[in-house]
Amino acid sequence: MPRARTTFHELTVGQVAQRSGVAISALHFYERQGLIRSTRTSSNQRRYSRDTLRRVAFIRASQHVGISLAAIREALDRLPSERTPTPDDWARLSASWRTELDARIAHLQALRDDLTECIGCGCLSLRSCHLTNPRDVLGREGPGARRLPRRR
């Protein structure tokens, strides 16, 4: 029986998974989320264009730095569909997230710095504890660990 031929520019889901290092189930998920697209053969098998490999790499890198799938989808929707995205296209997309990433970094640095001030006594009502009790709201409830379960 003759095998269905794929064009040079199309990849099967298994080929995309192997070359990208992403599980087939993840590729199906990305497709359901509108992050990548496929066409179907006459026997209903998925075929992906070669630029899907770059899109999957972009998705993985974006997820690695904490970008949401919704934001990734919006970014990918701005890419040209008539050609493979260029390095300038990718740079423009990643630059649009720089402000958000800078804000996250600043927030994490502030949490790290506040953690340095925590003495770890467990009272959770210190006026200076910015992590667990900002502005000493638990201090009004009395002394001791207010968020831990009480012993009977």
C-alpha atoms as a PDB file:
ATOM      1  CA  MET A   1       0.000   0.000   0.000  1.00  0.00           C
ATOM      2  CA  PRO A   2       1.514   3.390  -0.929  1.00  0.00           C
ATOM      3  CA  ARG A   3       2.271   5.793   1.865  1.00  0.00           C
ATOM      4  CA  ALA A   4       0.797   9.256   1.906  1.00  0.00           C
ATOM      5  CA  ARG A   5       3.427  11.753   0.811  1.00  0.00           C
ATOM      6  CA  THR A   6       3.984  14.930   2.700  1.00  0.00           C
ATOM      7  CA  THR A   7       5.432  17.968   1.055  1.00  0.00           C
ATOM      8  CA  PHE A   8       8.943  19.037   1.968  1.00  0.00           C
ATOM      9  CA  HIS A   9       7.616  21.955   3.996  1.00  0.00           C
ATOM     10  CA  GLU A  10       5.222  19.973   6.156  1.00  0.00           C
ATOM     11  CA  LEU A  11       5.995  18.012   9.296  1.00  0.00           C
ATOM     12  CA  THR A  12       4.017  15.340  11.088  1.00  0.00           C
ATOM     13  CA  VAL A  13       3.153  15.809  14.747  1.00  0.00           C
ATOM     14  CA  GLY A  14       5.769  13.194  15.628  1.00  0.00           C
ATOM     15  CA  GLN A  15       8.446  15.053  13.667  1.00  0.00           C
ATOM     16  CA  VAL A  16       7.580  18.340  15.380  1.00  0.00           C
ATOM     17  CA  ALA A  17       7.646  16.608  18.775  1.00  0.00           C
ATOM     18  CA  GLN A  18      11.002  14.978  18.091  1.00  0.00           C
ATOM     19  CA  ARG A  19      12.677  18.098  16.709  1.00  0.00           C
ATOM     20  CA  SER A  20      11.257  20.485  19.325  1.00  0.00           C
ATOM     21  CA  GLY A  21      11.594  18.208  22.357  1.00  0.00           C
ATOM     22  CA  VAL A  22       7.938  18.808  23.227  1.00  0.00           C
ATOM     23  CA  ALA A  23       5.471  15.983  23.851  1.00  0.00           C
ATOM     24  CA  ILE A  24       2.819  15.282  21.240  1.00  0.00           C
ATOM     25  CA  SER A  25       0.134  15.931  23.865  1.00  0.00           C
ATOM     26  CA  ALA A  26       1.651  19.389  24.485  1.00  0.00           C
ATOM     27  CA  LEU A  27       1.540  20.139  20.739  1.00  0.00           C
ATOM     28  CA  HIS A  28      -2.130  19.135  20.654  1.00  0.00           C
ATOM     29  CA  PHE A  29      -2.733  21.378  23.678  1.00  0.00           C
ATOM     30  CA  TYR A  30      -0.930  24.307  22.018  1.00  0.00           C
ATOM     31  CA  GLU A  31      -3.088  23.787  18.957  1.00  0.00           C
ATOM     32  CA  ARG A  32      -6.309  23.742  20.999  1.00  0.00           C
ATOM     33  CA  GLN A  33      -5.153  26.989  22.664  1.00  0.00           C
ATOM     34  CA  GLY A  34      -4.628  28.618  19.261  1.00  0.00           C
ATOM     35  CA  LEU A  35      -0.845  28.871  19.653  1.00  0.00           C
ATOM     36  CA  ILE A  36       0.036  26.738  16.640  1.00  0.00           C
ATOM     37  CA  ARG A  37      -1.914  25.576  13.585  1.00  0.00           C
ATOM     38  CA  SER A  38      -2.001  22.449  11.504  1.00  0.00           C
ATOM     39  CA  THR A  39      -3.674  21.268   8.357  1.00  0.00           C
ATOM     40  CA  ARG A  40      -5.153  17.814   7.854  1.00  0.00           C
ATOM     41  CA  THR A  41      -4.362  15.233   5.229  1.00  0.00           C
ATOM     42  CA  SER A  42      -7.083  13.304   3.420  1.00  0.00           C
ATOM     43  CA  SER A  43      -6.676  10.634   6.117  1.00  0.00           C
ATOM     44  CA  ASN A  44      -7.132  13.291   8.851  1.00  0.00           C
ATOM     45  CA  GLN A  45      -3.501  13.349  10.001  1.00  0.00           C
ATOM     46  CA  ARG A  46      -2.061  16.621  11.245  1.00  0.00           C
ATOM     47  CA  ARG A  47       0.606  18.412   9.229  1.00  0.00           C
ATOM     48  CA  TYR A  48       2.541  21.413  10.504  1.00  0.00           C
ATOM     49  CA  SER A  49       4.444  24.008   8.549  1.00  0.00           C
ATOM     50  CA  ARG A  50       8.175  24.194   9.278  1.00  0.00           C
ATOM     51  CA  ASP A  51       7.842  27.568  11.038  1.00  0.00           C
ATOM     52  CA  THR A  52       5.902  25.711  13.753  1.00  0.00           C
ATOM     53  CA  LEU A  53       9.281  24.646  15.164  1.00  0.00           C
ATOM     54  CA  ARG A  54      10.218  28.282  15.761  1.00  0.00           C
ATOM     55  CA  ARG A  55       6.809  29.027  17.223  1.00  0.00           C
ATOM     56  CA  VAL A  56       7.078  26.095  19.641  1.00  0.00           C
ATOM     57  CA  ALA A  57      10.567  27.248  20.698  1.00  0.00           C
ATOM     58  CA  PHE A  58       9.169  30.746  21.267  1.00  0.00           C
ATOM     59  CA  ILE A  59       6.254  29.344  23.301  1.00  0.00           C
ATOM     60  CA  ARG A  60       8.585  27.302  25.502  1.00  0.00           C
ATOM     61  CA  ALA A  61      11.009  30.190  26.057  1.00  0.00           C
ATOM     62  CA  SER A  62       8.119  32.532  26.855  1.00  0.00           C
ATOM     63  CA  GLN A  63       6.621  30.082  29.334  1.00  0.00           C
ATOM     64  CA  HIS A  64      10.029  29.652  30.940  1.00  0.00           C
ATOM     65  CA  VAL A  65      10.124  33.350  31.865  1.00  0.00           C
ATOM     66  CA  GLY A  66       6.536  33.277  33.143  1.00  0.00           C
ATOM     67  CA  ILE A  67       4.540  34.698  30.240  1.00  0.00           C
ATOM     68  CA  SER A  68       0.941  33.460  30.209  1.00  0.00           C
ATOM     69  CA  LEU A  69      -0.386  31.390  27.328  1.00  0.00           C
ATOM     70  CA  ALA A  70      -2.948  34.120  26.600  1.00  0.00           C
ATOM     71  CA  ALA A  71      -0.171  36.710  26.199  1.00  0.00           C
ATOM     72  CA  ILE A  72       1.835  34.287  24.063  1.00  0.00           C
ATOM     73  CA  ARG A  73      -1.199  33.696  21.823  1.00  0.00           C
ATOM     74  CA  GLU A  74      -1.736  37.448  21.413  1.00  0.00           C
ATOM     75  CA  ALA A  75       1.911  37.869  20.467  1.00  0.00           C
ATOM     76  CA  LEU A  76       1.851  35.006  17.979  1.00  0.00           C
ATOM     77  CA  ASP A  77      -1.314  36.418  16.405  1.00  0.00           C
ATOM     78  CA  ARG A  78       0.689  39.548  15.527  1.00  0.00           C
ATOM     79  CA  LEU A  79       3.213  37.531  13.531  1.00  0.00           C
ATOM     80  CA  PRO A  80       2.901  37.370   9.743  1.00  0.00           C
ATOM     81  CA  SER A  81       1.108  34.275   8.466  1.00  0.00           C
ATOM     82  CA  GLU A  82       2.437  34.574   4.915  1.00  0.00           C
ATOM     83  CA  ARG A  83       6.114  34.084   5.816  1.00  0.00           C
ATOM     84  CA  THR A  84       8.423  32.662   8.452  1.00  0.00           C
ATOM     85  CA  PRO A  85       8.972  35.216  11.225  1.00  0.00           C
ATOM     86  CA  THR A  86      12.313  36.986  11.138  1.00  0.00           C
ATOM     87  CA  PRO A  87      14.641  37.659  14.085  1.00  0.00           C
ATOM     88  CA  ASP A  88      13.298  41.244  14.059  1.00  0.00           C
ATOM     89  CA  ASP A  89       9.739  39.911  14.439  1.00  0.00           C
ATOM     90  CA  TRP A  90      10.781  37.825  17.443  1.00  0.00           C
ATOM     91  CA  ALA A  91      12.737  40.718  18.970  1.00  0.00           C
ATOM     92  CA  ARG A  92       9.723  43.019  18.674  1.00  0.00           C
ATOM     93  CA  LEU A  93       7.509  40.477  20.452  1.00  0.00           C
ATOM     94  CA  SER A  94       9.908  39.841  23.300  1.00  0.00           C
ATOM     95  CA  ALA A  95      10.562  43.572  23.769  1.00  0.00           C
ATOM     96  CA  SER A  96       6.843  44.119  24.336  1.00  0.00           C
ATOM     97  CA  TRP A  97       7.107  41.969  27.485  1.00  0.00           C
ATOM     98  CA  ARG A  98      10.156  43.710  28.920  1.00  0.00           C
ATOM     99  CA  THR A  99       8.175  46.098  31.147  1.00  0.00           C
ATOM    100  CA  GLU A 100       6.113  43.266  32.611  1.00  0.00           C
ATOM    101  CA  LEU A 101       9.209  41.155  33.244  1.00  0.00           C
ATOM    102  CA  ASP A 102      11.045  44.097  34.817  1.00  0.00           C
ATOM    103  CA  ALA A 103       8.094  44.634  37.179  1.00  0.00           C
ATOM    104  CA  ARG A 104       8.108  40.951  38.156  1.00  0.00           C
ATOM    105  CA  ILE A 105      11.832  41.056  38.806  1.00  0.00           C
ATOM    106  CA  ALA A 106      11.441  44.152  40.991  1.00  0.00           C
ATOM    107  CA  HIS A 107       8.643  42.444  42.939  1.00  0.00           C
ATOM    108  CA  LEU A 108      10.734  39.316  43.506  1.00  0.00           C
ATOM    109  CA  GLN A 109      13.711  41.405  44.603  1.00  0.00           C
ATOM    110  CA  ALA A 110      11.498  43.232  47.105  1.00  0.00           C
ATOM    111  CA  LEU A 111      10.240  39.891  48.456  1.00  0.00           C
ATOM    112  CA  ARG A 112      13.822  38.661  48.767  1.00  0.00           C
ATOM    113  CA  ASP A 113      14.872  41.817  50.593  1.00  0.00           C
ATOM    114  CA  ASP A 114      11.878  41.615  52.940  1.00  0.00           C
ATOM    115  CA  LEU A 115      12.678  37.982  53.672  1.00  0.00           C
ATOM    116  CA  THR A 116      16.107  39.074  54.925  1.00  0.00           C
ATOM    117  CA  GLU A 117      14.370  41.077  57.659  1.00  0.00           C
ATOM    118  CA  CYS A 118      12.276  38.122  58.831  1.00  0.00           C
ATOM    119  CA  ILE A 119      13.670  36.590  61.992  1.00  0.00           C
ATOM    120  CA  GLY A 120      11.641  33.410  61.610  1.00  0.00           C
ATOM    121  CA  CYS A 121      10.225  33.374  65.133  1.00  0.00           C
ATOM    122  CA  GLY A 122       6.815  32.224  63.955  1.00  0.00           C
ATOM    123  CA  CYS A 123       4.745  34.899  65.659  1.00  0.00           C
ATOM    124  CA  LEU A 124       3.587  36.277  62.291  1.00  0.00           C
ATOM    125  CA  SER A 125       2.527  39.494  63.984  1.00  0.00           C
ATOM    126  CA  LEU A 126       5.756  41.481  63.979  1.00  0.00           C
ATOM    127  CA  ARG A 127       5.282  45.051  62.867  1.00  0.00           C
ATOM    128  CA  SER A 128       8.335  44.758  60.622  1.00  0.00           C
ATOM    129  CA  CYS A 129       7.276  41.555  58.808  1.00  0.00           C
ATOM    130  CA  HIS A 130       6.398  42.711  55.306  1.00  0.00           C
ATOM    131  CA  LEU A 131       5.863  39.191  54.008  1.00  0.00           C
ATOM    132  CA  THR A 132       3.261  37.647  56.261  1.00  0.00           C
ATOM    133  CA  ASN A 133       1.782  40.566  58.122  1.00  0.00           C
ATOM    134  CA  PRO A 134       1.995  43.860  56.289  1.00  0.00           C
ATOM    135  CA  ARG A 135       1.122  46.839  58.518  1.00  0.00           C
ATOM    136  CA  ASP A 136       0.772  44.452  61.520  1.00  0.00           C
ATOM    137  CA  VAL A 137      -2.878  43.621  60.800  1.00  0.00           C
ATOM    138  CA  LEU A 138      -2.616  40.373  62.787  1.00  0.00           C
ATOM    139  CA  GLY A 139      -1.198  42.158  65.836  1.00  0.00           C
ATOM    140  CA  ARG A 140      -4.691  43.460  66.609  1.00  0.00           C
ATOM    141  CA  GLU A 141      -5.820  39.862  67.233  1.00  0.00           C
ATOM    142  CA  GLY A 142      -3.342  39.344  70.050  1.00  0.00           C
ATOM    143  CA  PRO A 143       0.054  37.739  70.570  1.00  0.00           C
ATOM    144  CA  GLY A 144       1.278  34.502  69.084  1.00  0.00           C
ATOM    145  CA  ALA A 145       1.050  32.758  65.741  1.00  0.00           C
ATOM    146  CA  ARG A 146      -2.305  33.883  64.401  1.00  0.00           C
ATOM    147  CA  ARG A 147      -2.286  31.894  61.127  1.00  0.00           C
ATOM    148  CA  LEU A 148      -1.167  28.565  62.529  1.00  0.00           C
ATOM    149  CA  PRO A 149      -3.769  26.089  63.774  1.00  0.00           C
ATOM    150  CA  ARG A 150      -4.374  26.293  67.502  1.00  0.00           C
ATOM    151  CA  ARG A 151      -3.557  23.255  69.608  1.00  0.00           C
ATOM    152  CA  ARG A 152      -6.455  21.747  71.454  1.00  0.00           C
END
